Every structure is written in structure tokens, then in C-alpha cells.
Protein backbone atom coordinates (compact mmCIF):
# COMPACT_ATOMS: atom_id res chain seq x y z
CA MET A 1 162.51 29.95 107.62
CA LEU A 2 161.71 28.35 110.81
CA THR A 3 159.64 24.54 111.24
CA LEU A 4 156.67 24.71 113.44
CA THR A 5 156.89 24.46 117.17
CA GLY A 6 154.91 24.75 120.12
CA CYS A 7 151.27 24.61 118.60
CA GLY A 8 149.74 23.50 121.59
CA SER A 9 146.34 22.40 121.71
CA SER A 10 143.31 22.49 119.08
CA ALA A 11 141.22 25.51 119.31
CA ASP A 12 137.20 25.88 119.37
CA PRO A 13 136.55 26.52 115.62
CA ALA A 14 136.48 29.97 114.14
CA GLN A 15 137.97 31.30 117.71
CA PRO A 16 141.73 32.81 116.87
CA VAL A 17 144.50 31.57 119.73
CA ASP A 18 144.82 34.57 121.62
CA GLY A 19 148.65 35.97 120.79
CA PRO A 20 150.97 35.56 117.48
CA ALA A 21 151.80 32.14 116.34
CA SER A 22 155.00 31.44 118.68
CA ALA A 23 157.21 31.12 115.45
CA PRO A 24 157.31 32.61 111.62
CA VAL A 25 155.49 29.87 109.68
CA GLN A 26 156.67 27.64 107.05
CA SER A 27 154.14 27.00 104.08
CA ASP A 28 156.57 27.16 101.23
CA SER A 29 158.80 23.82 101.93
CA SER A 30 159.73 21.83 99.13
CA ALA A 31 157.49 19.42 97.28
CA SER A 32 158.64 15.58 96.73
CA GLY A 33 157.90 15.47 93.10
CA GLU A 34 157.14 17.34 90.21
CA VAL A 35 154.60 20.34 90.49
CA ILE A 36 152.93 22.78 88.29
CA GLY A 37 151.67 26.28 88.89
CA GLN A 38 149.80 29.18 86.73
CA GLY A 39 151.13 32.82 86.53
CA THR A 40 152.90 35.55 85.11
CA VAL A 41 156.24 34.79 84.12
CA LEU A 42 158.54 37.81 83.77
CA GLN A 43 161.96 39.39 83.34
CA SER A 44 162.55 42.73 83.98
CA GLY A 45 165.78 43.88 81.90
CA ASP A 46 169.01 41.86 83.07
CA GLY A 47 167.30 40.45 86.20
CA ALA A 48 166.30 37.17 86.76
CA PRO A 49 163.11 35.26 85.42
CA GLU A 50 160.43 34.87 88.03
CA LEU A 51 156.62 33.05 88.48
CA CYS A 52 154.18 35.66 89.56
CA LEU A 53 151.90 33.29 91.91
CA GLY A 54 149.90 36.33 93.26
CA PRO A 55 148.80 39.57 92.22
CA VAL A 56 150.13 41.22 89.01
CA ALA A 57 149.90 45.18 89.10
CA GLU A 58 147.30 46.02 86.06
CA SER A 59 150.30 48.97 84.52
CA PHE A 60 152.20 48.83 80.93
CA PRO A 61 154.58 46.97 81.23
CA PRO A 62 152.59 44.69 84.06
CA GLN A 63 154.62 44.25 88.00
CA CYS A 64 155.09 41.66 90.42
CA SER A 65 156.73 39.46 92.72
CA GLY A 66 157.38 35.63 92.55
CA VAL A 67 159.13 32.69 92.72
CA PRO A 68 162.36 32.66 90.83
CA LEU A 69 162.48 30.09 87.86
CA VAL A 70 165.60 28.05 86.71
CA GLY A 71 165.97 27.07 82.84
CA TRP A 72 163.85 29.64 81.61
CA ASP A 73 164.30 30.65 77.96
CA TRP A 74 162.06 33.46 76.43
CA ASP A 75 163.35 32.27 72.72
CA ALA A 76 161.28 28.43 73.85
CA ALA A 77 158.43 30.11 74.66
CA GLU A 78 155.59 31.19 72.84
CA GLN A 79 152.96 34.70 73.14
CA GLU A 80 155.49 36.57 75.32
CA GLU A 81 155.44 40.51 75.21
CA THR A 82 158.02 43.27 75.84
CA ALA A 83 157.81 46.59 76.72
CA SER A 84 159.75 49.06 78.17
CA GLY A 85 162.82 46.34 78.61
CA VAL A 86 160.36 44.11 80.54
CA THR A 87 159.35 40.99 78.95
CA TRP A 88 156.03 39.14 80.22
CA GLY A 89 153.43 36.19 79.52
CA THR A 90 151.25 34.32 80.87
CA TYR A 91 152.12 30.32 81.54
CA ALA A 92 151.72 26.90 82.69
CA VAL A 93 155.39 26.09 83.87
CA GLN A 94 156.19 22.41 85.72
CA GLY A 95 159.62 21.68 87.56
CA THR A 96 160.68 20.72 91.07
CA TRP A 97 160.27 23.20 93.99
CA ASP A 98 162.74 22.85 96.66
CA GLY A 99 161.13 25.50 98.94
CA THR A 100 162.57 28.58 97.22
CA THR A 101 163.13 28.24 93.34
CA LEU A 102 160.97 26.33 90.61
CA THR A 103 163.50 24.47 87.98
CA LEU A 104 161.75 23.68 85.08
CA THR A 105 161.79 19.80 83.64
CA GLN A 106 159.43 20.53 81.01
CA PRO A 107 158.16 23.36 78.55
CA ALA A 108 155.86 26.37 79.56
CA ILE A 109 152.47 26.38 78.17
CA PRO A 110 150.77 29.51 77.43
CA LEU A 111 147.91 29.79 79.44
CA SER A 112 145.70 30.41 76.40
CA LEU A 113 146.85 26.86 75.14
CA TYR A 114 146.00 24.93 78.54
CA ASP A 115 143.80 22.69 79.03
CA PRO A 116 143.94 21.60 82.55
CA MET A 117 142.07 18.92 84.52
CA ALA A 118 139.22 19.75 86.49
CA ASP A 119 140.16 19.74 89.94
CA ILE A 120 137.35 21.19 92.10
CA ASP A 121 137.53 21.15 95.80
CA PRO A 122 134.23 19.63 97.27
CA ARG A 123 134.44 21.84 99.86
CA MET A 124 133.26 24.75 97.11
CA ASP A 125 130.20 22.59 96.39
CA GLU A 126 127.39 25.22 98.14
CA SER A 127 125.51 22.26 98.73
CA ASN A 128 128.14 21.20 101.39
CA PRO A 129 128.88 24.34 103.38
CA GLY A 130 131.26 24.71 106.22
CA PRO A 131 130.53 24.99 109.50
CA SER A 132 131.35 28.92 110.54
CA ASP A 133 129.62 31.91 109.94
CA GLU A 134 131.05 35.04 107.48
CA ALA A 135 131.44 37.01 111.03
CA GLU A 136 133.92 34.39 112.47
CA LEU A 137 135.84 33.79 109.33
CA ALA A 138 136.19 37.85 109.29
CA GLY A 139 137.82 37.32 112.70
CA VAL A 140 139.93 34.53 111.70
CA GLN A 141 140.89 36.09 108.51
CA ALA A 142 142.39 39.24 110.53
CA ASP A 143 144.10 36.66 112.82
CA VAL A 144 145.67 34.72 109.31
CA ASP A 145 146.72 38.42 107.91
CA SER A 146 148.67 38.80 111.13
CA LEU A 147 150.73 35.49 110.74
CA ASP A 148 154.68 35.70 109.55
CA ILE A 149 153.53 32.91 106.82
CA ASP A 150 156.02 31.89 104.22
CA GLY A 151 154.95 32.16 100.85
CA TYR A 152 151.46 33.79 101.79
CA LEU A 153 149.49 34.86 98.85
CA GLY A 154 146.45 36.05 100.14
CA SER A 155 143.14 34.62 101.67
CA TYR A 156 138.82 35.24 100.59
CA VAL A 157 135.83 33.69 102.67
CA THR A 158 133.60 31.55 100.61
CA ASN A 159 130.84 28.44 101.63
CA GLY A 160 131.75 29.00 104.84
CA TYR A 161 135.55 28.42 104.88
CA LEU A 162 138.38 30.56 104.64
CA TRP A 163 140.55 29.71 102.13
CA VAL A 164 144.14 30.84 102.44
CA GLN A 165 145.95 30.70 99.09
CA VAL A 166 150.29 29.91 99.59
CA VAL A 167 153.34 29.13 97.03
CA HIS A 168 153.09 25.49 98.36
CA ASP A 169 152.21 23.50 101.47
CA ASP A 170 153.29 19.78 102.16
CA GLY A 171 150.73 19.65 104.77
CA GLU A 172 152.56 21.45 107.84
CA LEU A 173 150.74 24.50 107.66
CA GLN A 174 147.53 22.64 106.88
CA ASP A 175 147.81 21.44 110.70
CA PHE A 176 149.05 24.12 112.27
CA LEU A 177 146.46 26.31 111.05
CA ASP A 178 143.83 23.11 111.83
CA ALA A 179 145.45 23.18 115.29
CA ARG A 180 145.03 26.67 115.72
CA TYR A 181 141.39 27.81 114.69
CA GLY A 182 140.05 23.82 114.65
CA ALA A 183 139.42 21.76 111.55
CA ASP A 184 137.04 22.60 108.78
CA VAL A 185 137.64 26.06 109.27
CA VAL A 186 140.76 27.17 106.86
CA VAL A 187 141.48 25.39 103.82
CA VAL A 188 145.03 25.75 102.71
CA GLN A 189 145.59 26.09 98.87
CA SER A 190 149.11 25.59 97.04
CA ALA A 191 149.63 27.43 93.96
CA LEU A 192 152.09 24.90 93.09
CA ARG A 193 150.51 21.76 92.96
CA PRO A 194 151.49 18.28 92.12
CA VAL A 195 151.16 17.33 88.60
CA PRO A 196 148.53 15.01 87.74
CA SER A 197 149.39 11.46 87.16
CA GLY A 198 148.11 10.47 83.47
């Protein structure tokens, strides 16, 4: 895993820079405080439990790949299911993130019982769209998909922005993409977010 180097000067908005990134792009750096994420916790057989923050295959039992969990205890969890040697459930999970592993600091909360505080990005407001059109953003999206971004979960275009979803970003990935495509083109969303104060 390499840190970002050699980003160069800012590009024109929504115009991908020619050529690949100069190095693999780090996005899942450690968090300074506790974080919380929502997803499917899954454990197959004697394997370690994982928190799946990206897509989950709609099979039975489900299948997914996620980040390792330390301190997980199914006996303390609620609303889990088990079939064919796989145990899973959907939860809000809080803990510390060292860049590779989430270590629980609080009991997990089933998503059916979880009521998070509203945290709506103002760039989602249809009255305040981004400056790029869908054709430009489709080109940026194709370029982003070709990059070697650690912790990359996916991307989508809406309201004049390309939204890039990763496990965790401390701001370094956002800075890299701003330098590559220009400001106000790409919005990086972390699946593991700081625990709200209060």
C-alpha cells in the first residue's frame, strides 16, 4: 500500500488525466477516532467474521467479502441467521479502524433497530447540482474504475457529481481525485464514518 505521490497539477474539471495514476491509490488509511459502519456481518464456517460494506450476493446463504472484525461475538448479537455453515446479519458496527481491521468498541446494533442521525450531503440537493454533465462524468467514472484504489467499493453519478464509495478515506484520496479531475467533480464517501458526537 503506497501513499500518494506525484499527483501533478490540477486537471480541467471532468477531464481525466492521460495515463494511469503514478502509484496505487491509498483510501483505507487508519482513522484517528472511532468509526461506525453499516453492512452485513458474515462468518463462513471456522473463518473470521467480516463486515461487508459493499455488494452482497443475493444467494442463500448470502456471499460477500468485507473487512475483518475483532471482538465479534454471535452470542451477543441479535437477529442473526445460520444456514449451510454460514452465519450472518445486518448491523451497525462501531469500533476503531487501523487501515485493515475494525475492532469493536461497542455492541453491534441490528439495522432494523438502528436509527442514525440524518447526515445528508448538501451536494445531493437537486437545487444545488454539480458543474459537470453526465457524459463528462461517465468518462471520469471509467477512469476512476481503472485506478488501483485500495478499499474501493463502487461509484455512481448523480446530481452533477461522481460519487466514489470506499471503505475509509482520511481526505488523501479526495485530494488526489481533486488534483486529477478538478475540484467539485468527484465526491468520496467513506463507508466507515466518524461516530457522531453527542
